[in-house]
Protein backbone atom coordinates (compact mmCIF):
# COMPACT_ATOMS: atom_id res chain seq x y z
CA UNK A 1 17.64 134.54 -4.37
CA UNK A 2 20.13 133.93 -7.14
CA UNK A 3 19.34 137.31 -8.78
CA UNK A 4 20.23 139.14 -5.57
CA UNK A 5 23.61 137.39 -5.40
CA UNK A 6 24.25 138.22 -9.05
CA UNK A 7 23.37 141.89 -8.47
CA UNK A 8 25.74 142.07 -5.51
CA UNK A 9 28.60 140.44 -7.46
CA UNK A 10 28.11 142.48 -10.66
CA UNK A 11 26.47 145.83 -9.83
CA UNK A 12 27.54 147.53 -13.07
CA UNK A 13 25.79 144.88 -15.13
CA UNK A 14 22.49 145.64 -13.42
CA UNK A 15 22.95 149.41 -13.89
CA UNK A 16 23.62 148.89 -17.61
CA UNK A 17 20.56 146.61 -17.97
CA UNK A 18 18.34 149.18 -16.18
CA UNK A 19 19.64 152.01 -18.41
CA UNK A 20 19.08 149.85 -21.49
CA UNK A 21 15.48 149.20 -20.47
CA UNK A 22 14.88 152.96 -19.95
CA UNK A 23 16.50 153.94 -23.30
CA UNK A 24 14.65 151.26 -25.27
CA UNK A 25 11.37 152.27 -23.59
CA UNK A 26 11.88 155.91 -24.60
CA UNK A 27 12.76 154.93 -28.18
CA UNK A 28 9.70 152.72 -28.53
CA UNK A 29 7.46 155.46 -27.09
CA UNK A 30 8.82 158.04 -29.56
CA UNK A 31 8.23 155.75 -32.54
CA UNK A 32 4.72 154.69 -31.47
CA UNK A 33 2.01 156.37 -33.60
CA UNK A 34 -0.52 158.39 -31.61
CA UNK A 35 -3.78 160.00 -32.63
CA UNK A 36 -5.32 162.84 -30.67
CA UNK A 37 -8.81 162.03 -31.94
CA UNK A 38 -8.93 158.29 -32.56
CA UNK A 39 -11.71 156.89 -34.71
CA UNK A 40 -13.77 154.92 -32.19
CA UNK A 41 -16.99 153.22 -33.22
CA UNK A 42 -19.34 153.52 -30.27
CA UNK A 43 -22.20 151.02 -30.42
CA UNK A 44 -25.62 152.67 -30.71
CA UNK A 45 -28.90 151.02 -29.80
CA UNK A 46 -32.19 152.44 -31.06
CA UNK A 47 -35.48 151.66 -29.36
CA UNK A 48 -38.85 152.24 -30.99
CA UNK A 49 -41.74 152.13 -28.52
CA UNK A 50 -45.40 153.01 -28.66
CA UNK A 51 -47.65 153.35 -25.65
CA UNK A 52 -51.19 152.15 -26.18
CA UNK A 53 -52.48 153.26 -22.80
CA UNK A 54 -54.74 156.13 -21.88
CA UNK A 55 -54.84 159.07 -24.24
CA UNK A 56 -54.22 162.55 -22.77
CA UNK A 57 -57.89 163.41 -23.31
CA UNK A 58 -59.01 160.51 -21.11
CA UNK A 59 -56.79 161.23 -18.10
CA UNK A 60 -58.27 162.49 -14.85
CA UNK A 61 -56.22 165.09 -12.99
CA UNK A 62 -57.07 166.21 -9.46
CA UNK A 63 -55.27 168.43 -6.95
CA UNK A 64 -52.90 166.60 -4.61
CA UNK A 65 -54.76 168.17 -1.68
CA UNK A 66 -57.69 165.86 -2.54
CA UNK A 67 -55.64 162.73 -1.80
CA UNK A 68 -56.17 160.85 1.45
CA UNK A 69 -53.06 158.78 2.07
CA UNK A 70 -53.70 155.69 4.18
CA UNK A 71 -51.81 152.49 4.95
CA UNK A 72 -54.03 150.65 2.45
CA UNK A 73 -53.14 153.09 -0.32
CA UNK A 74 -54.24 156.45 -1.71
CA UNK A 75 -57.92 157.34 -1.63
CA UNK A 76 -60.14 160.27 -2.53
CA UNK A 77 -63.40 161.47 -1.00
CA UNK A 78 -66.16 161.52 -3.61
CA UNK A 79 -69.56 163.11 -3.10
CA UNK A 80 -72.18 160.45 -3.74
CA UNK A 81 -75.95 160.31 -3.71
CA UNK A 82 -77.81 162.44 -1.14
CA UNK A 83 -74.63 164.46 -0.42
CA UNK A 84 -72.98 161.48 1.34
CA UNK A 85 -69.23 160.97 1.22
CA UNK A 86 -67.83 157.86 -0.42
CA UNK A 87 -64.10 157.19 0.17
CA UNK A 88 -62.80 155.60 -3.01
CA UNK A 89 -59.46 153.80 -3.53
CA UNK A 90 -57.55 155.16 -6.53
CA UNK A 91 -54.49 154.24 -8.54
CA UNK A 92 -52.13 157.14 -9.14
CA UNK A 93 -50.39 157.95 -12.39
CA UNK A 94 -48.00 160.82 -12.98
CA UNK A 95 -47.34 163.30 -10.19
CA UNK A 96 -47.21 166.89 -11.47
CA UNK A 97 -46.54 168.49 -8.09
CA UNK A 98 -49.73 170.45 -7.35
CA UNK A 99 -51.83 167.94 -9.30
CA UNK A 100 -51.77 164.20 -9.79
CA UNK A 101 -53.09 161.91 -12.51
CA UNK A 102 -55.70 159.29 -11.52
CA UNK A 103 -55.43 156.11 -13.58
CA UNK A 104 -58.18 154.05 -11.94
CA UNK A 105 -60.77 154.44 -9.20
CA UNK A 106 -62.93 157.39 -10.15
CA UNK A 107 -64.84 158.31 -13.29
CA UNK A 108 -65.20 161.59 -15.16
CA UNK A 109 -68.05 163.54 -13.64
CA UNK A 110 -67.47 162.30 -10.07
CA UNK A 111 -67.49 165.17 -7.57
CA UNK A 112 -64.17 164.96 -5.73
CA UNK A 113 -63.76 166.80 -2.42
CA UNK A 114 -60.62 168.81 -3.11
CA UNK A 115 -59.51 169.37 0.50
CA UNK A 116 -61.14 166.82 2.78
CA UNK A 117 -60.83 167.49 6.53
CA UNK A 118 -59.09 164.93 8.75
CA UNK A 119 -62.28 163.79 10.48
CA UNK A 120 -64.14 163.04 7.24
CA UNK A 121 -65.46 159.49 7.19
CA UNK A 122 -67.49 157.24 4.91
CA UNK A 123 -71.20 158.18 4.69
CA UNK A 124 -70.71 161.61 6.25
CA UNK A 125 -73.28 164.10 4.98
CA UNK A 126 -71.71 167.26 3.60
CA UNK A 127 -73.01 170.53 2.25
CA UNK A 128 -71.56 172.11 -0.87
CA UNK A 129 -70.46 175.66 -0.19
CA UNK A 130 -70.88 178.19 -2.99
CA UNK A 131 -67.64 179.17 -4.67
CA UNK A 132 -66.68 182.75 -3.87
CA UNK A 133 -66.14 185.13 -6.80
CA UNK A 134 -62.47 185.47 -7.75
CA UNK A 135 -60.68 188.64 -6.70
CA UNK A 136 -60.91 191.37 -9.31
CA UNK A 137 -64.01 190.01 -10.99
CA UNK A 138 -67.29 191.82 -11.24
CA UNK A 139 -68.27 195.17 -12.61
CA UNK A 140 -66.82 198.47 -11.57
CA UNK A 141 -69.30 200.85 -10.03
């Protein structure tokens, strides 16, 4: 409260002090060295890591249409003995969009049903349909 009374009694003193603060601030700013591109040492951390998991040759890749997504996890329908369906739980790896990597659950050589119908159940007997010839193949007559 005392500073307010002093400012009311001596207004010119406060104007001079304010101008002095502004002038000294400008002088100190003009004398301060500045650098447009300061030399800043940014800390760098290097990480060396090696993955000893599955090699690319050992990965199994299937179409995403072959996946059966259930509450218990992803599964695939595999054709077992005597043309019977076996629904196998799988562990997924990388998702490539149209295909997905299978880390665990099926083995190379297993016959995976690539687009299982909704009503397909365990032990259903299925028939393998012959693959149609691709368009444009064959001999010209």
